[in-house]
Amino acid sequence: MTTHRPASVVMYIDGGSRGNPGPAAYAVVVKAGDGAPLAGFSKLLGEATNNVAEYEGLLAALGYALRHHHLRLKVVSDSELLVRQIQGSYKVKSAYLKPLHQRAREMIARLEAFSLEHVRREQNREADRLVNQALDAAEAGTISSASRPSPVTVLRAAATHHAGVLKLQRPLPLTEGEEVELEIRRKN
């Protein structure tokens, strides 16, 4: 069975820290080239700066793209520093960011096509919302970075039920044999 992969994907990334440094998290929202949502995930990082969190978000997006064979990638970020450093127009001076920058450059080199776009925060609302949800949950004590070892990917797709079988309206980026947990909601 061959799994259809979108020709290209767009990933909206964000990272944030409350205290700078302080409790930090990143988020990634994955969309197909046509804008259809594919996945969204966030992760608490513990104590970090906002710039470290932004880079961790980029690394998570690149890792997701490589694992799911999305080799044509556009990344959208509201971090001017991250975008300009990856593009080479700003130097990486921070000792904390240098190894993250190097890892990102190495991962980018494995892609067929890569672009990075800086946008205003208002154009990156979904990723920003996921970061703040993770940080809010940590502050409320409902989740800790230690109790959440890896990002949770949320996939959404519409399906039609016919003769006891759910038929997806579009393929999902899953590997053969991968186990998933389903939550089904009736469409009104």
N, C-alpha and C. Protein backbone atom coordinates (compact mmCIF):
# COMPACT_ATOMS: atom_id res chain seq x y z
N MET A 1 0.85 -1.18 0.00
CA MET A 1 0.00 0.00 0.00
C MET A 1 0.89 1.24 0.00
N THR A 2 0.66 2.14 -0.90
CA THR A 2 1.42 3.38 -0.93
C THR A 2 0.63 4.46 -0.21
N THR A 3 1.35 5.23 0.56
CA THR A 3 0.73 6.32 1.29
C THR A 3 0.97 7.62 0.54
N HIS A 4 -0.08 8.35 0.26
CA HIS A 4 0.05 9.63 -0.43
C HIS A 4 0.62 10.68 0.52
N ARG A 5 1.62 11.38 0.08
CA ARG A 5 2.20 12.47 0.85
C ARG A 5 2.00 13.76 0.05
N PRO A 6 1.61 14.83 0.71
CA PRO A 6 1.50 16.10 -0.01
C PRO A 6 2.85 16.47 -0.63
N ALA A 7 2.81 17.08 -1.80
CA ALA A 7 4.03 17.49 -2.48
C ALA A 7 4.84 18.44 -1.61
N SER A 8 4.17 19.29 -0.88
CA SER A 8 4.86 20.20 0.02
C SER A 8 3.95 20.48 1.20
N VAL A 9 4.57 20.86 2.30
CA VAL A 9 3.81 21.21 3.49
C VAL A 9 4.27 22.57 3.99
N VAL A 10 3.39 23.20 4.74
CA VAL A 10 3.70 24.47 5.39
C VAL A 10 3.60 24.22 6.89
N MET A 11 4.61 24.64 7.62
CA MET A 11 4.61 24.47 9.07
C MET A 11 4.73 25.84 9.74
N TYR A 12 3.77 26.11 10.61
CA TYR A 12 3.78 27.32 11.41
C TYR A 12 4.39 26.95 12.75
N ILE A 13 5.45 27.66 13.13
CA ILE A 13 6.14 27.33 14.37
C ILE A 13 6.12 28.53 15.31
N ASP A 14 6.19 28.22 16.60
CA ASP A 14 6.29 29.28 17.60
C ASP A 14 6.95 28.71 18.83
N GLY A 15 7.57 29.57 19.59
CA GLY A 15 8.17 29.20 20.86
C GLY A 15 7.97 30.35 21.81
N GLY A 16 7.85 30.03 23.09
CA GLY A 16 7.65 31.08 24.07
C GLY A 16 8.20 30.70 25.42
N SER A 17 8.47 31.71 26.20
CA SER A 17 8.99 31.54 27.55
C SER A 17 8.35 32.57 28.45
N ARG A 18 7.96 32.16 29.61
CA ARG A 18 7.41 33.10 30.59
C ARG A 18 8.47 33.35 31.65
N GLY A 19 9.13 34.48 31.53
CA GLY A 19 10.21 34.83 32.44
C GLY A 19 11.50 35.11 31.70
N ASN A 20 11.74 34.45 30.64
CA ASN A 20 12.86 34.64 29.71
C ASN A 20 14.22 34.83 30.38
N PRO A 21 14.85 33.79 30.97
CA PRO A 21 14.37 32.42 30.90
C PRO A 21 13.29 32.12 31.94
N GLY A 22 12.51 31.12 31.62
CA GLY A 22 11.44 30.67 32.47
C GLY A 22 10.81 29.45 31.85
N PRO A 23 9.65 29.03 32.33
CA PRO A 23 8.97 27.90 31.72
C PRO A 23 8.78 28.18 30.22
N ALA A 24 9.15 27.22 29.39
CA ALA A 24 9.14 27.44 27.94
C ALA A 24 8.46 26.27 27.23
N ALA A 25 7.96 26.57 26.03
CA ALA A 25 7.32 25.56 25.19
C ALA A 25 7.44 25.98 23.74
N TYR A 26 7.23 25.00 22.87
CA TYR A 26 7.14 25.31 21.44
C TYR A 26 5.89 24.64 20.89
N ALA A 27 5.50 25.06 19.69
CA ALA A 27 4.36 24.45 18.99
C ALA A 27 4.64 24.44 17.50
N VAL A 28 4.04 23.45 16.83
CA VAL A 28 4.15 23.31 15.38
C VAL A 28 2.77 22.98 14.85
N VAL A 29 2.35 23.69 13.82
CA VAL A 29 1.09 23.42 13.12
C VAL A 29 1.46 23.06 11.69
N VAL A 30 1.02 21.88 11.25
CA VAL A 30 1.39 21.36 9.94
C VAL A 30 0.17 21.43 9.02
N LYS A 31 0.37 22.02 7.85
CA LYS A 31 -0.70 22.11 6.85
C LYS A 31 -0.18 21.65 5.50
N ALA A 32 -1.08 21.06 4.73
CA ALA A 32 -0.74 20.69 3.35
C ALA A 32 -0.58 21.97 2.54
N GLY A 33 0.03 21.87 1.39
CA GLY A 33 0.23 23.03 0.53
C GLY A 33 -1.06 23.77 0.21
N ASP A 34 -2.19 23.04 0.20
CA ASP A 34 -3.48 23.67 -0.08
C ASP A 34 -4.15 24.25 1.17
N GLY A 35 -3.45 24.19 2.31
CA GLY A 35 -3.98 24.75 3.56
C GLY A 35 -4.73 23.77 4.42
N ALA A 36 -4.94 22.54 3.97
CA ALA A 36 -5.64 21.53 4.77
C ALA A 36 -4.80 21.16 5.98
N PRO A 37 -5.39 21.15 7.19
CA PRO A 37 -4.63 20.81 8.39
C PRO A 37 -4.20 19.34 8.38
N LEU A 38 -2.95 19.09 8.75
CA LEU A 38 -2.41 17.74 8.83
C LEU A 38 -2.10 17.34 10.26
N ALA A 39 -1.53 18.26 11.04
CA ALA A 39 -1.15 17.93 12.42
C ALA A 39 -0.87 19.20 13.19
N GLY A 40 -0.85 19.07 14.49
CA GLY A 40 -0.46 20.17 15.37
C GLY A 40 0.02 19.57 16.67
N PHE A 41 1.13 20.07 17.19
CA PHE A 41 1.64 19.54 18.45
C PHE A 41 2.45 20.60 19.18
N SER A 42 2.59 20.40 20.48
CA SER A 42 3.38 21.31 21.30
C SER A 42 4.14 20.48 22.32
N LYS A 43 5.16 21.10 22.93
CA LYS A 43 5.95 20.40 23.94
C LYS A 43 6.50 21.41 24.94
N LEU A 44 6.41 21.07 26.20
CA LEU A 44 7.04 21.86 27.25
C LEU A 44 8.52 21.55 27.26
N LEU A 45 9.34 22.56 27.51
CA LEU A 45 10.78 22.40 27.47
C LEU A 45 11.45 22.53 28.83
N GLY A 46 10.72 22.93 29.85
CA GLY A 46 11.35 23.25 31.11
C GLY A 46 11.80 24.71 31.07
N GLU A 47 12.90 25.03 31.73
CA GLU A 47 13.41 26.40 31.78
C GLU A 47 14.22 26.69 30.52
N ALA A 48 13.86 27.74 29.81
CA ALA A 48 14.60 28.13 28.60
C ALA A 48 14.22 29.56 28.24
N THR A 49 14.98 30.14 27.32
CA THR A 49 14.63 31.47 26.81
C THR A 49 13.65 31.32 25.66
N ASN A 50 13.04 32.43 25.30
CA ASN A 50 12.11 32.38 24.16
C ASN A 50 12.84 32.03 22.87
N ASN A 51 14.08 32.49 22.70
CA ASN A 51 14.82 32.18 21.48
C ASN A 51 15.18 30.70 21.39
N VAL A 52 15.54 30.09 22.52
CA VAL A 52 15.78 28.64 22.53
C VAL A 52 14.49 27.91 22.17
N ALA A 53 13.36 28.35 22.73
CA ALA A 53 12.06 27.72 22.44
C ALA A 53 11.72 27.84 20.95
N GLU A 54 12.00 28.99 20.35
CA GLU A 54 11.75 29.17 18.91
C GLU A 54 12.58 28.17 18.10
N TYR A 55 13.86 28.03 18.44
CA TYR A 55 14.72 27.08 17.74
C TYR A 55 14.25 25.64 17.95
N GLU A 56 13.84 25.30 19.17
CA GLU A 56 13.33 23.95 19.43
C GLU A 56 12.10 23.68 18.59
N GLY A 57 11.26 24.69 18.38
CA GLY A 57 10.11 24.54 17.50
C GLY A 57 10.53 24.26 16.07
N LEU A 58 11.54 24.98 15.60
CA LEU A 58 12.04 24.74 14.25
C LEU A 58 12.60 23.32 14.12
N LEU A 59 13.38 22.90 15.11
CA LEU A 59 13.96 21.55 15.07
C LEU A 59 12.86 20.49 15.09
N ALA A 60 11.81 20.71 15.87
CA ALA A 60 10.70 19.76 15.92
C ALA A 60 10.00 19.69 14.57
N ALA A 61 9.81 20.84 13.93
CA ALA A 61 9.17 20.88 12.61
C ALA A 61 10.03 20.15 11.58
N LEU A 62 11.32 20.41 11.59
CA LEU A 62 12.22 19.74 10.64
C LEU A 62 12.25 18.23 10.89
N GLY A 63 12.29 17.84 12.15
CA GLY A 63 12.28 16.41 12.48
C GLY A 63 11.01 15.74 12.01
N TYR A 64 9.87 16.39 12.23
CA TYR A 64 8.59 15.86 11.77
C TYR A 64 8.59 15.71 10.25
N ALA A 65 9.06 16.74 9.55
CA ALA A 65 9.09 16.71 8.09
C ALA A 65 9.95 15.56 7.58
N LEU A 66 11.11 15.37 8.16
CA LEU A 66 12.00 14.30 7.71
C LEU A 66 11.43 12.93 8.04
N ARG A 67 10.86 12.76 9.24
CA ARG A 67 10.27 11.46 9.61
C ARG A 67 9.09 11.09 8.72
N HIS A 68 8.33 12.09 8.29
CA HIS A 68 7.15 11.84 7.48
C HIS A 68 7.39 12.04 5.97
N HIS A 69 8.66 12.17 5.61
CA HIS A 69 9.08 12.28 4.21
C HIS A 69 8.45 13.47 3.49
N HIS A 70 8.28 14.56 4.22
CA HIS A 70 7.84 15.82 3.62
C HIS A 70 9.13 16.59 3.29
N LEU A 71 9.64 16.39 2.11
CA LEU A 71 10.96 16.92 1.77
C LEU A 71 10.91 18.28 1.09
N ARG A 72 9.71 18.81 0.89
CA ARG A 72 9.53 20.16 0.34
C ARG A 72 8.76 20.94 1.41
N LEU A 73 9.44 21.84 2.08
CA LEU A 73 8.91 22.43 3.29
C LEU A 73 9.02 23.95 3.29
N LYS A 74 7.93 24.57 3.70
CA LYS A 74 7.93 26.01 3.97
C LYS A 74 7.62 26.17 5.46
N VAL A 75 8.46 26.92 6.15
CA VAL A 75 8.26 27.19 7.57
C VAL A 75 7.91 28.66 7.73
N VAL A 76 6.91 28.92 8.57
CA VAL A 76 6.46 30.27 8.86
C VAL A 76 6.67 30.51 10.35
N SER A 77 7.32 31.63 10.69
CA SER A 77 7.63 31.94 12.09
C SER A 77 7.47 33.43 12.34
N ASP A 78 7.09 33.77 13.56
CA ASP A 78 7.02 35.19 13.93
C ASP A 78 8.29 35.65 14.65
N SER A 79 9.33 34.80 14.66
CA SER A 79 10.59 35.16 15.28
C SER A 79 11.55 35.72 14.23
N GLU A 80 11.69 37.03 14.23
CA GLU A 80 12.60 37.66 13.26
C GLU A 80 14.02 37.17 13.46
N LEU A 81 14.44 37.03 14.72
CA LEU A 81 15.81 36.58 15.00
C LEU A 81 16.06 35.21 14.39
N LEU A 82 15.19 34.26 14.64
CA LEU A 82 15.36 32.90 14.10
C LEU A 82 15.40 32.92 12.58
N VAL A 83 14.45 33.60 11.97
CA VAL A 83 14.37 33.63 10.51
C VAL A 83 15.63 34.25 9.92
N ARG A 84 16.07 35.38 10.44
CA ARG A 84 17.25 36.06 9.89
C ARG A 84 18.53 35.26 10.14
N GLN A 85 18.60 34.56 11.28
CA GLN A 85 19.79 33.75 11.53
C GLN A 85 19.85 32.55 10.59
N ILE A 86 18.73 31.89 10.37
CA ILE A 86 18.71 30.74 9.46
C ILE A 86 18.99 31.20 8.03
N GLN A 87 18.47 32.37 7.66
CA GLN A 87 18.71 32.89 6.31
C GLN A 87 20.13 33.43 6.14
N GLY A 88 20.84 33.64 7.23
CA GLY A 88 22.22 34.08 7.16
C GLY A 88 22.42 35.58 7.23
N SER A 89 21.36 36.36 7.40
CA SER A 89 21.53 37.81 7.46
C SER A 89 21.85 38.32 8.86
N TYR A 90 21.64 37.51 9.90
CA TYR A 90 22.05 37.83 11.28
C TYR A 90 23.05 36.76 11.72
N LYS A 91 24.07 37.17 12.44
CA LYS A 91 25.03 36.23 13.01
C LYS A 91 24.41 35.58 14.25
N VAL A 92 24.83 34.35 14.52
CA VAL A 92 24.39 33.65 15.72
C VAL A 92 25.48 33.89 16.78
N LYS A 93 25.18 34.75 17.74
CA LYS A 93 26.16 35.12 18.75
C LYS A 93 25.99 34.32 20.04
N SER A 94 24.77 33.92 20.36
CA SER A 94 24.48 33.23 21.61
C SER A 94 25.06 31.82 21.63
N ALA A 95 25.79 31.50 22.69
CA ALA A 95 26.36 30.16 22.83
C ALA A 95 25.26 29.11 22.94
N TYR A 96 24.09 29.49 23.46
CA TYR A 96 22.97 28.56 23.58
C TYR A 96 22.35 28.26 22.22
N LEU A 97 22.34 29.24 21.33
CA LEU A 97 21.69 29.07 20.04
C LEU A 97 22.59 28.45 18.97
N LYS A 98 23.90 28.58 19.12
CA LYS A 98 24.82 28.06 18.08
C LYS A 98 24.61 26.58 17.77
N PRO A 99 24.56 25.69 18.78
CA PRO A 99 24.36 24.28 18.42
C PRO A 99 22.97 24.00 17.84
N LEU A 100 21.95 24.75 18.26
CA LEU A 100 20.61 24.58 17.73
C LEU A 100 20.58 25.03 16.26
N HIS A 101 21.23 26.15 15.99
CA HIS A 101 21.33 26.68 14.63
C HIS A 101 22.04 25.67 13.73
N GLN A 102 23.14 25.12 14.21
CA GLN A 102 23.91 24.15 13.42
C GLN A 102 23.08 22.91 13.11
N ARG A 103 22.36 22.40 14.13
CA ARG A 103 21.50 21.23 13.91
C ARG A 103 20.41 21.54 12.89
N ALA A 104 19.82 22.72 12.98
CA ALA A 104 18.78 23.10 12.02
C ALA A 104 19.35 23.16 10.61
N ARG A 105 20.51 23.75 10.44
CA ARG A 105 21.12 23.85 9.11
C ARG A 105 21.40 22.45 8.53
N GLU A 106 21.85 21.53 9.39
CA GLU A 106 22.12 20.16 8.93
C GLU A 106 20.83 19.47 8.49
N MET A 107 19.75 19.67 9.22
CA MET A 107 18.47 19.06 8.87
C MET A 107 17.90 19.68 7.59
N ILE A 108 18.02 20.98 7.46
CA ILE A 108 17.54 21.68 6.26
C ILE A 108 18.26 21.14 5.02
N ALA A 109 19.54 20.84 5.15
CA ALA A 109 20.33 20.34 4.02
C ALA A 109 19.80 18.99 3.51
N ARG A 110 19.04 18.26 4.33
CA ARG A 110 18.49 16.96 3.93
C ARG A 110 17.18 17.09 3.16
N LEU A 111 16.64 18.30 3.07
CA LEU A 111 15.37 18.52 2.37
C LEU A 111 15.61 18.81 0.89
N GLU A 112 14.61 18.54 0.06
CA GLU A 112 14.70 18.87 -1.37
C GLU A 112 14.50 20.37 -1.58
N ALA A 113 13.57 20.96 -0.83
CA ALA A 113 13.29 22.39 -0.96
C ALA A 113 12.90 22.92 0.41
N PHE A 114 13.38 24.12 0.73
CA PHE A 114 13.10 24.72 2.03
C PHE A 114 12.99 26.23 1.88
N SER A 115 11.96 26.79 2.50
CA SER A 115 11.87 28.25 2.60
C SER A 115 11.40 28.60 3.99
N LEU A 116 11.76 29.79 4.41
CA LEU A 116 11.44 30.26 5.75
C LEU A 116 10.92 31.68 5.62
N GLU A 117 9.74 31.92 6.19
CA GLU A 117 9.11 33.22 6.06
C GLU A 117 8.83 33.81 7.44
N HIS A 118 9.18 35.09 7.60
CA HIS A 118 8.85 35.81 8.83
C HIS A 118 7.50 36.48 8.66
N VAL A 119 6.62 36.30 9.66
CA VAL A 119 5.30 36.94 9.64
C VAL A 119 5.07 37.61 10.99
N ARG A 120 4.08 38.47 11.02
CA ARG A 120 3.68 39.09 12.29
C ARG A 120 2.96 38.04 13.14
N ARG A 121 2.99 38.25 14.44
CA ARG A 121 2.37 37.30 15.38
C ARG A 121 0.91 37.01 15.02
N GLU A 122 0.18 38.02 14.53
CA GLU A 122 -1.23 37.83 14.17
C GLU A 122 -1.41 36.80 13.06
N GLN A 123 -0.39 36.59 12.25
CA GLN A 123 -0.46 35.62 11.16
C GLN A 123 0.02 34.24 11.59
N ASN A 124 0.32 34.10 12.87
CA ASN A 124 0.83 32.84 13.41
C ASN A 124 0.02 32.45 14.65
N ARG A 125 -1.26 32.78 14.65
CA ARG A 125 -2.11 32.63 15.84
C ARG A 125 -2.25 31.20 16.31
N GLU A 126 -2.38 30.26 15.39
CA GLU A 126 -2.64 28.87 15.79
C GLU A 126 -1.45 28.28 16.56
N ALA A 127 -0.25 28.49 16.08
CA ALA A 127 0.94 28.00 16.77
C ALA A 127 1.11 28.73 18.10
N ASP A 128 0.87 30.04 18.12
CA ASP A 128 0.95 30.83 19.34
C ASP A 128 -0.05 30.31 20.38
N ARG A 129 -1.25 29.97 19.94
CA ARG A 129 -2.28 29.45 20.84
C ARG A 129 -1.83 28.13 21.47
N LEU A 130 -1.22 27.24 20.68
CA LEU A 130 -0.75 25.96 21.20
C LEU A 130 0.37 26.14 22.22
N VAL A 131 1.28 27.08 21.97
CA VAL A 131 2.34 27.36 22.93
C VAL A 131 1.74 27.83 24.25
N ASN A 132 0.80 28.77 24.17
CA ASN A 132 0.19 29.31 25.38
C ASN A 132 -0.65 28.27 26.12
N GLN A 133 -1.30 27.37 25.39
CA GLN A 133 -2.04 26.30 26.05
C GLN A 133 -1.09 25.40 26.85
N ALA A 134 0.05 25.06 26.28
CA ALA A 134 1.03 24.23 26.98
C ALA A 134 1.56 24.94 28.22
N LEU A 135 1.87 26.23 28.09
CA LEU A 135 2.39 26.99 29.23
C LEU A 135 1.31 27.18 30.30
N ASP A 136 0.08 27.43 29.89
CA ASP A 136 -1.02 27.56 30.84
C ASP A 136 -1.23 26.27 31.61
N ALA A 137 -1.19 25.13 30.91
CA ALA A 137 -1.37 23.83 31.56
C ALA A 137 -0.25 23.58 32.58
N ALA A 138 0.97 23.97 32.23
CA ALA A 138 2.09 23.80 33.15
C ALA A 138 1.90 24.67 34.40
N GLU A 139 1.48 25.92 34.20
CA GLU A 139 1.24 26.82 35.33
C GLU A 139 0.13 26.32 36.24
N ALA A 140 -0.89 25.72 35.63
CA ALA A 140 -2.03 25.21 36.40
C ALA A 140 -1.68 23.90 37.11
N GLY A 141 -0.53 23.34 36.77
CA GLY A 141 -0.12 22.09 37.40
C GLY A 141 -0.79 20.87 36.81
N THR A 142 -1.45 21.02 35.66
CA THR A 142 -2.12 19.87 35.07
C THR A 142 -1.20 19.03 34.21
N ILE A 143 -0.03 19.55 33.89
CA ILE A 143 0.94 18.79 33.10
C ILE A 143 2.33 19.33 33.41
N SER A 144 3.30 18.46 33.40
CA SER A 144 4.68 18.90 33.58
C SER A 144 5.50 18.42 32.41
N SER A 145 6.63 19.06 32.17
CA SER A 145 7.46 18.65 31.04
C SER A 145 7.96 17.23 31.24
N ALA A 146 8.15 16.81 32.49
CA ALA A 146 8.62 15.45 32.74
C ALA A 146 7.54 14.43 32.42
N SER A 147 6.27 14.79 32.59
CA SER A 147 5.21 13.82 32.34
C SER A 147 4.77 13.81 30.89
N ARG A 148 5.39 14.64 30.06
CA ARG A 148 5.03 14.67 28.64
C ARG A 148 6.31 14.52 27.82
N PRO A 149 6.78 13.28 27.65
CA PRO A 149 8.09 13.07 27.05
C PRO A 149 8.17 13.38 25.57
N SER A 150 7.07 13.34 24.85
CA SER A 150 7.16 13.60 23.42
C SER A 150 5.91 14.32 22.95
N PRO A 151 6.01 15.02 21.80
CA PRO A 151 4.86 15.75 21.30
C PRO A 151 3.73 14.81 20.90
N VAL A 152 2.51 15.27 21.05
CA VAL A 152 1.34 14.53 20.61
C VAL A 152 0.88 15.15 19.30
N THR A 153 0.78 14.33 18.28
CA THR A 153 0.35 14.81 16.98
C THR A 153 -1.16 14.63 16.85
N VAL A 154 -1.85 15.68 16.50
CA VAL A 154 -3.28 15.61 16.28
C VAL A 154 -3.53 15.67 14.78
N LEU A 155 -4.19 14.66 14.26
CA LEU A 155 -4.53 14.61 12.84
C LEU A 155 -6.03 14.78 12.71
N ARG A 156 -6.46 15.55 11.75
CA ARG A 156 -7.89 15.74 11.52
C ARG A 156 -8.22 15.43 10.08
N ALA A 157 -9.31 14.69 9.90
CA ALA A 157 -9.77 14.39 8.54
C ALA A 157 -11.25 14.09 8.58
N ALA A 158 -11.92 14.41 7.51
CA ALA A 158 -13.34 14.07 7.38
C ALA A 158 -13.44 12.69 6.76
N ALA A 159 -14.51 11.98 7.10
CA ALA A 159 -14.72 10.64 6.56
C ALA A 159 -16.20 10.42 6.35
N THR A 160 -16.51 9.45 5.50
CA THR A 160 -17.89 9.07 5.25
C THR A 160 -18.06 7.61 5.65
N HIS A 161 -19.13 7.30 6.38
CA HIS A 161 -19.42 5.94 6.80
C HIS A 161 -20.33 5.29 5.78
N HIS A 162 -19.92 4.14 5.27
CA HIS A 162 -20.74 3.41 4.30
C HIS A 162 -20.46 1.92 4.45
N ALA A 163 -21.51 1.17 4.65
CA ALA A 163 -21.41 -0.30 4.76
C ALA A 163 -20.42 -0.72 5.84
N GLY A 164 -20.44 -0.03 6.96
CA GLY A 164 -19.60 -0.41 8.09
C GLY A 164 -18.15 0.02 7.99
N VAL A 165 -17.82 0.82 6.99
CA VAL A 165 -16.43 1.24 6.79
C VAL A 165 -16.37 2.76 6.74
N LEU A 166 -15.38 3.32 7.43
CA LEU A 166 -15.12 4.76 7.33
C LEU A 166 -14.14 4.99 6.20
N LYS A 167 -14.53 5.82 5.25
CA LYS A 167 -13.64 6.16 4.14
C LYS A 167 -13.19 7.60 4.30
N LEU A 168 -11.87 7.78 4.46
CA LEU A 168 -11.31 9.12 4.61
C LEU A 168 -11.42 9.90 3.32
N GLN A 169 -11.69 11.19 3.43
CA GLN A 169 -11.81 12.04 2.25
C GLN A 169 -10.44 12.45 1.70
N ARG A 170 -9.39 12.26 2.51
CA ARG A 170 -8.03 12.50 2.05
C ARG A 170 -7.09 11.60 2.86
N PRO A 171 -5.96 11.24 2.30
CA PRO A 171 -5.00 10.39 3.03
C PRO A 171 -4.40 11.14 4.22
N LEU A 172 -4.05 10.39 5.24
CA LEU A 172 -3.37 10.96 6.41
C LEU A 172 -1.90 10.58 6.38
N PRO A 173 -1.02 11.40 6.94
CA PRO A 173 0.42 11.10 6.92
C PRO A 173 0.78 10.07 7.99
N LEU A 174 0.37 8.84 7.78
CA LEU A 174 0.66 7.75 8.71
C LEU A 174 1.52 6.71 8.02
N THR A 175 2.35 6.02 8.81
CA THR A 175 3.15 4.95 8.24
C THR A 175 2.42 3.64 8.41
N GLU A 176 2.71 2.69 7.56
CA GLU A 176 2.07 1.38 7.58
C GLU A 176 2.28 0.74 8.96
N GLY A 177 1.20 0.29 9.58
CA GLY A 177 1.26 -0.37 10.88
C GLY A 177 1.27 0.57 12.07
N GLU A 178 1.27 1.87 11.84
CA GLU A 178 1.27 2.83 12.94
C GLU A 178 -0.06 2.77 13.68
N GLU A 179 0.00 2.72 15.00
CA GLU A 179 -1.22 2.68 15.81
C GLU A 179 -1.63 4.10 16.16
N VAL A 180 -2.94 4.36 16.11
CA VAL A 180 -3.48 5.67 16.43
C VAL A 180 -4.68 5.50 17.34
N GLU A 181 -5.01 6.55 18.05
CA GLU A 181 -6.22 6.60 18.86
C GLU A 181 -7.21 7.49 18.14
N LEU A 182 -8.46 7.02 17.98
CA LEU A 182 -9.44 7.76 17.24
C LEU A 182 -10.48 8.39 18.16
N GLU A 183 -10.90 9.57 17.80
CA GLU A 183 -12.05 10.22 18.43
C GLU A 183 -12.95 10.64 17.29
N ILE A 184 -14.15 10.11 17.26
CA ILE A 184 -15.06 10.38 16.14
C ILE A 184 -16.15 11.33 16.61
N ARG A 185 -16.37 12.37 15.82
CA ARG A 185 -17.44 13.34 16.10
C ARG A 185 -18.37 13.37 14.90
N ARG A 186 -19.66 13.31 15.18
CA ARG A 186 -20.64 13.41 14.10
C ARG A 186 -20.69 14.85 13.59
N LYS A 187 -20.77 14.97 12.29
CA LYS A 187 -20.89 16.28 11.67
C LYS A 187 -22.36 16.67 11.64
N ASN A 188 -22.68 17.87 12.07
CA ASN A 188 -24.07 18.31 12.06
C ASN A 188 -24.45 18.92 10.74
